[in-house]
Amino acid sequence: MPGSSVPVPDVSVILPCAGFGTRFGAPYPKELHCLAPGVTILDRSLEAVVELAKSGLHVRLVVVFGTHKLDTVRYLTRYSETFQMVFVHQDDSIEPGLDGAVRSALPMTQGPVALVLPDIVLTGPDTAGSLVAALRHTEVTGWSVVAAEEHDPGTLRQMGALALSEAGGVMTVAVATDKPRDPSGFNAFWGMVAVTEAEAHRLPDVVGSGVASPLTGAVAHMVEGIVNHNTLAD
């Protein structure tokens, strides 16, 4: 209505959609691949974000895109009544890679920040509320992850690998490395990351190379499985 103000977001979610998905091998953005009638990979990856909005939070979705992803931008408009959406163009000549996408988005975030990847799908019961739970954990440790147990070396080499330890029924991250050359010693990987507003400036280091991961000490909210839709076979 005229004169109405835009609500201040309670939480911001960064959704990097500027990748080319060359390994997927489809003539369209991989996040738009249908998993069921009317349901894309992107819809499944956003289920936990939708749950944030359903819980009563005002969610700002910061979408990082390239000019080759205008179909994805158009598709996301169906969520315009669910999220407050901001679209940020990623210029690879200035900010290349996934860490560059996160840096491009950070100036548009407000409040706690979650990193959600458009090709990552959580599986198993009670996954919808996993991001809500992860954000609650940040109030204690500053950082939290939604993670799944994994011991396959090939998978761990392609993901944000974690070495998790348990104490008092709480799983925490002892070591974290993005796409480790040597996956021995890792027993899980993350699918989503949540961080407080004060620590959000370090979020690019989660997916950066040659830098220490800020995830050490983060609480891990475990889910049954996480599927990384890198190829059509996935």
Protein backbone atom coordinates (compact mmCIF):
# COMPACT_ATOMS: atom_id res chain seq x y z
CA MET A 1 0.00 0.00 0.00
CA PRO A 2 1.21 3.61 -0.56
CA GLY A 3 3.49 4.79 2.21
CA SER A 4 4.08 1.32 3.66
CA SER A 5 7.67 0.51 4.65
CA VAL A 6 9.66 -2.59 3.81
CA PRO A 7 10.16 -4.74 6.93
CA VAL A 8 13.70 -4.90 8.29
CA PRO A 9 14.88 -8.47 7.68
CA ASP A 10 15.38 -10.73 10.68
CA VAL A 11 17.77 -12.92 8.71
CA SER A 12 19.45 -12.80 5.31
CA VAL A 13 20.11 -15.78 3.05
CA ILE A 14 22.77 -15.71 0.34
CA LEU A 15 21.89 -17.81 -2.70
CA PRO A 16 24.79 -17.94 -5.22
CA CYS A 17 23.38 -18.65 -8.69
CA ALA A 18 26.15 -17.32 -10.95
CA GLY A 19 27.90 -20.62 -11.66
CA PHE A 20 27.92 -22.23 -15.11
CA GLY A 21 27.18 -25.82 -14.02
CA THR A 22 29.41 -27.30 -16.71
CA ARG A 23 29.59 -30.70 -15.02
CA PHE A 24 25.80 -30.95 -15.03
CA GLY A 25 25.79 -30.97 -18.82
CA ALA A 26 22.29 -29.60 -19.42
CA PRO A 27 21.30 -26.78 -21.83
CA TYR A 28 19.59 -24.96 -18.94
CA PRO A 29 20.61 -23.91 -15.40
CA LYS A 30 20.99 -27.03 -13.29
CA GLU A 31 18.98 -25.54 -10.43
CA LEU A 32 15.94 -25.47 -12.76
CA HIS A 33 16.14 -29.21 -13.45
CA CYS A 34 12.85 -30.90 -12.49
CA LEU A 35 12.93 -33.52 -9.74
CA ALA A 36 9.15 -34.02 -9.81
CA PRO A 37 6.27 -32.37 -11.68
CA GLY A 38 6.48 -28.67 -10.88
CA VAL A 39 9.39 -29.12 -8.46
CA THR A 40 12.94 -28.12 -9.38
CA ILE A 41 16.27 -28.62 -7.61
CA LEU A 42 16.01 -24.94 -6.64
CA ASP A 43 12.62 -25.45 -4.99
CA ARG A 44 14.02 -28.32 -2.93
CA SER A 45 17.11 -26.35 -1.93
CA LEU A 46 14.90 -23.48 -0.70
CA GLU A 47 12.58 -25.64 1.44
CA ALA A 48 14.49 -24.86 4.64
CA VAL A 49 14.53 -21.15 3.73
CA VAL A 50 10.77 -21.19 3.18
CA GLU A 51 10.46 -22.70 6.66
CA LEU A 52 12.30 -19.69 8.08
CA ALA A 53 9.59 -17.45 6.64
CA LYS A 54 6.85 -19.77 7.91
CA SER A 55 8.34 -19.51 11.42
CA GLY A 56 7.50 -15.80 11.37
CA LEU A 57 10.89 -14.36 10.41
CA HIS A 58 11.29 -11.69 7.75
CA VAL A 59 13.75 -13.26 5.30
CA ARG A 60 15.85 -11.32 2.82
CA LEU A 61 17.02 -13.59 -0.02
CA VAL A 62 20.12 -12.16 -1.67
CA VAL A 63 20.49 -13.85 -5.06
CA VAL A 64 23.86 -13.59 -6.81
CA PHE A 65 23.46 -14.09 -10.56
CA GLY A 66 25.21 -13.73 -13.91
CA THR A 67 23.67 -12.63 -17.20
CA HIS A 68 23.51 -16.30 -18.25
CA LYS A 69 21.11 -16.96 -15.35
CA LEU A 70 18.19 -14.71 -16.24
CA ASP A 71 15.91 -17.76 -16.46
CA THR A 72 16.74 -18.47 -12.82
CA VAL A 73 16.00 -14.85 -11.90
CA ARG A 74 12.62 -15.10 -13.60
CA TYR A 75 11.87 -18.41 -11.87
CA LEU A 76 12.63 -16.97 -8.45
CA THR A 77 9.96 -14.28 -8.79
CA ARG A 78 7.44 -16.93 -7.70
CA TYR A 79 8.91 -16.47 -4.20
CA SER A 80 8.37 -12.70 -4.16
CA GLU A 81 5.59 -12.96 -1.59
CA THR A 82 7.62 -15.29 0.64
CA PHE A 83 10.94 -13.45 0.77
CA GLN A 84 12.22 -9.92 0.44
CA MET A 85 14.43 -10.49 -2.60
CA VAL A 86 17.55 -8.65 -3.69
CA PHE A 87 19.44 -9.52 -6.89
CA VAL A 88 23.17 -8.85 -7.13
CA HIS A 89 25.13 -9.29 -10.35
CA GLN A 90 28.49 -11.03 -9.96
CA ASP A 91 31.28 -9.65 -12.11
CA ASP A 92 33.79 -12.50 -12.39
CA SER A 93 36.54 -10.11 -13.47
CA ILE A 94 36.33 -8.53 -10.00
CA GLU A 95 34.95 -11.24 -7.73
CA PRO A 96 35.39 -14.70 -9.28
CA GLY A 97 34.32 -17.99 -7.74
CA LEU A 98 31.95 -18.91 -4.95
CA ASP A 99 33.83 -16.84 -2.38
CA GLY A 100 33.46 -13.86 -4.73
CA ALA A 101 29.71 -14.49 -4.94
CA VAL A 102 29.47 -14.37 -1.15
CA ARG A 103 31.50 -11.14 -1.02
CA SER A 104 29.24 -9.62 -3.67
CA ALA A 105 26.17 -10.43 -1.57
CA LEU A 106 27.38 -9.44 1.90
CA PRO A 107 26.79 -5.66 1.56
CA MET A 108 23.10 -6.40 0.94
CA THR A 109 22.66 -8.60 4.03
CA GLN A 110 21.30 -7.59 7.40
CA GLY A 111 21.03 -9.63 10.58
CA PRO A 112 22.29 -13.22 10.86
CA VAL A 113 23.30 -14.67 7.50
CA ALA A 114 22.86 -18.15 6.02
CA LEU A 115 24.65 -19.51 2.96
CA VAL A 116 22.40 -21.79 0.89
CA LEU A 117 23.58 -23.34 -2.37
CA PRO A 118 21.01 -23.79 -5.18
CA ASP A 119 22.19 -27.31 -6.08
CA ILE A 120 22.23 -28.74 -2.54
CA VAL A 121 19.18 -30.71 -1.37
CA LEU A 122 18.68 -32.00 2.16
CA THR A 123 17.13 -35.44 2.51
CA GLY A 124 15.49 -37.36 5.32
CA PRO A 125 12.85 -36.49 7.93
CA ASP A 126 12.57 -33.06 9.56
CA THR A 127 14.94 -31.33 7.13
CA ALA A 128 12.65 -28.34 6.59
CA GLY A 129 13.38 -27.01 10.08
CA SER A 130 17.13 -27.59 9.89
CA LEU A 131 18.05 -24.01 9.02
CA VAL A 132 15.83 -22.66 11.79
CA ALA A 133 17.71 -24.91 14.22
CA ALA A 134 21.11 -23.92 12.80
CA LEU A 135 20.37 -20.22 13.24
CA ARG A 136 19.43 -20.82 16.88
CA HIS A 137 22.80 -22.49 17.43
CA THR A 138 24.62 -19.36 16.22
CA GLU A 139 23.37 -17.54 19.30
CA VAL A 140 25.73 -19.74 21.34
CA THR A 141 28.77 -20.30 19.12
CA GLY A 142 28.50 -17.63 16.42
CA TRP A 143 28.63 -20.27 13.67
CA SER A 144 26.65 -23.38 12.81
CA VAL A 145 26.28 -25.79 9.92
CA VAL A 146 23.66 -28.15 8.58
CA ALA A 147 25.69 -31.29 7.94
CA ALA A 148 25.46 -34.97 7.03
CA GLU A 149 27.77 -37.84 7.89
CA GLU A 150 29.98 -38.95 5.01
CA HIS A 151 33.00 -41.26 4.69
CA ASP A 152 33.39 -41.60 0.92
CA PRO A 153 36.71 -39.93 -0.04
CA GLY A 154 35.47 -38.95 -3.50
CA THR A 155 32.48 -37.10 -2.09
CA LEU A 156 34.50 -35.38 0.62
CA ARG A 157 37.01 -34.07 -1.94
CA GLN A 158 34.17 -32.23 -3.70
CA MET A 159 32.48 -30.71 -0.66
CA GLY A 160 33.03 -28.60 2.42
CA ALA A 161 34.54 -31.41 4.48
CA LEU A 162 34.20 -31.52 8.25
CA ALA A 163 35.78 -33.48 11.07
CA LEU A 164 33.02 -33.65 13.67
CA SER A 165 33.32 -34.59 17.33
CA GLU A 166 30.58 -35.16 19.90
CA ALA A 167 30.47 -34.02 23.50
CA GLY A 168 27.41 -33.99 25.72
CA GLY A 169 25.18 -34.93 22.81
CA VAL A 170 26.28 -31.89 20.76
CA MET A 171 28.19 -32.27 17.49
CA THR A 172 30.81 -29.61 16.80
CA VAL A 173 33.32 -28.96 14.03
CA ALA A 174 36.91 -29.78 15.00
CA VAL A 175 38.38 -29.19 11.52
CA ALA A 176 36.87 -27.81 8.31
CA THR A 177 38.35 -27.61 4.82
CA ASP A 178 36.68 -26.84 1.51
CA LYS A 179 37.38 -29.58 -1.07
CA PRO A 180 40.37 -31.16 0.70
CA ARG A 181 43.03 -32.91 -1.38
CA ASP A 182 43.42 -35.44 1.43
CA PRO A 183 39.99 -36.31 2.87
CA SER A 184 41.31 -38.69 5.53
CA GLY A 185 40.16 -37.70 8.99
CA PHE A 186 36.96 -36.06 7.78
CA ASN A 187 33.63 -37.70 8.55
CA ALA A 188 30.97 -35.26 7.29
CA PHE A 189 30.29 -32.29 5.03
CA TRP A 190 28.12 -29.21 5.29
CA GLY A 191 25.08 -28.31 3.18
CA MET A 192 24.24 -24.93 4.72
CA VAL A 193 26.11 -22.47 6.92
CA ALA A 194 24.67 -19.94 9.37
CA VAL A 195 26.53 -17.11 11.10
CA THR A 196 25.82 -14.11 13.29
CA GLU A 197 25.80 -10.63 11.79
CA ALA A 198 29.02 -9.76 13.66
CA GLU A 199 30.92 -12.70 12.12
CA ALA A 200 29.34 -12.63 8.65
CA HIS A 201 32.30 -10.79 7.10
CA ARG A 202 34.27 -14.05 7.41
CA LEU A 203 31.70 -16.07 5.46
CA PRO A 204 33.71 -15.99 2.17
CA ASP A 205 36.53 -17.84 3.98
CA VAL A 206 34.24 -20.86 4.37
CA VAL A 207 34.51 -21.52 0.63
CA GLY A 208 37.84 -19.81 -0.03
CA SER A 209 41.18 -21.48 -0.68
CA GLY A 210 44.40 -20.86 1.19
CA VAL A 211 42.62 -19.42 4.23
CA ALA A 212 41.72 -20.88 7.61
CA SER A 213 38.09 -21.91 7.83
CA PRO A 214 36.03 -20.01 10.41
CA LEU A 215 33.88 -23.10 10.99
CA THR A 216 36.11 -24.55 13.72
CA GLY A 217 33.96 -24.81 16.84
CA ALA A 218 30.67 -24.43 14.96
CA VAL A 219 27.71 -26.49 16.12
CA ALA A 220 26.58 -29.08 13.55
CA HIS A 221 22.87 -29.73 13.07
CA MET A 222 22.80 -33.19 11.51
CA VAL A 223 20.43 -34.36 8.77
CA GLU A 224 20.08 -37.80 7.25
CA GLY A 225 21.60 -36.90 3.89
CA ILE A 226 22.66 -34.12 1.56
CA VAL A 227 22.61 -34.47 -2.23
CA ASN A 228 24.90 -32.30 -4.33
CA HIS A 229 23.32 -32.13 -7.80
CA ASN A 230 26.53 -31.76 -9.79
CA THR A 231 25.53 -34.06 -12.64
CA LEU A 232 22.34 -35.32 -14.22
CA ALA A 233 23.12 -38.72 -12.68
CA ASP A 234 22.66 -37.16 -9.23
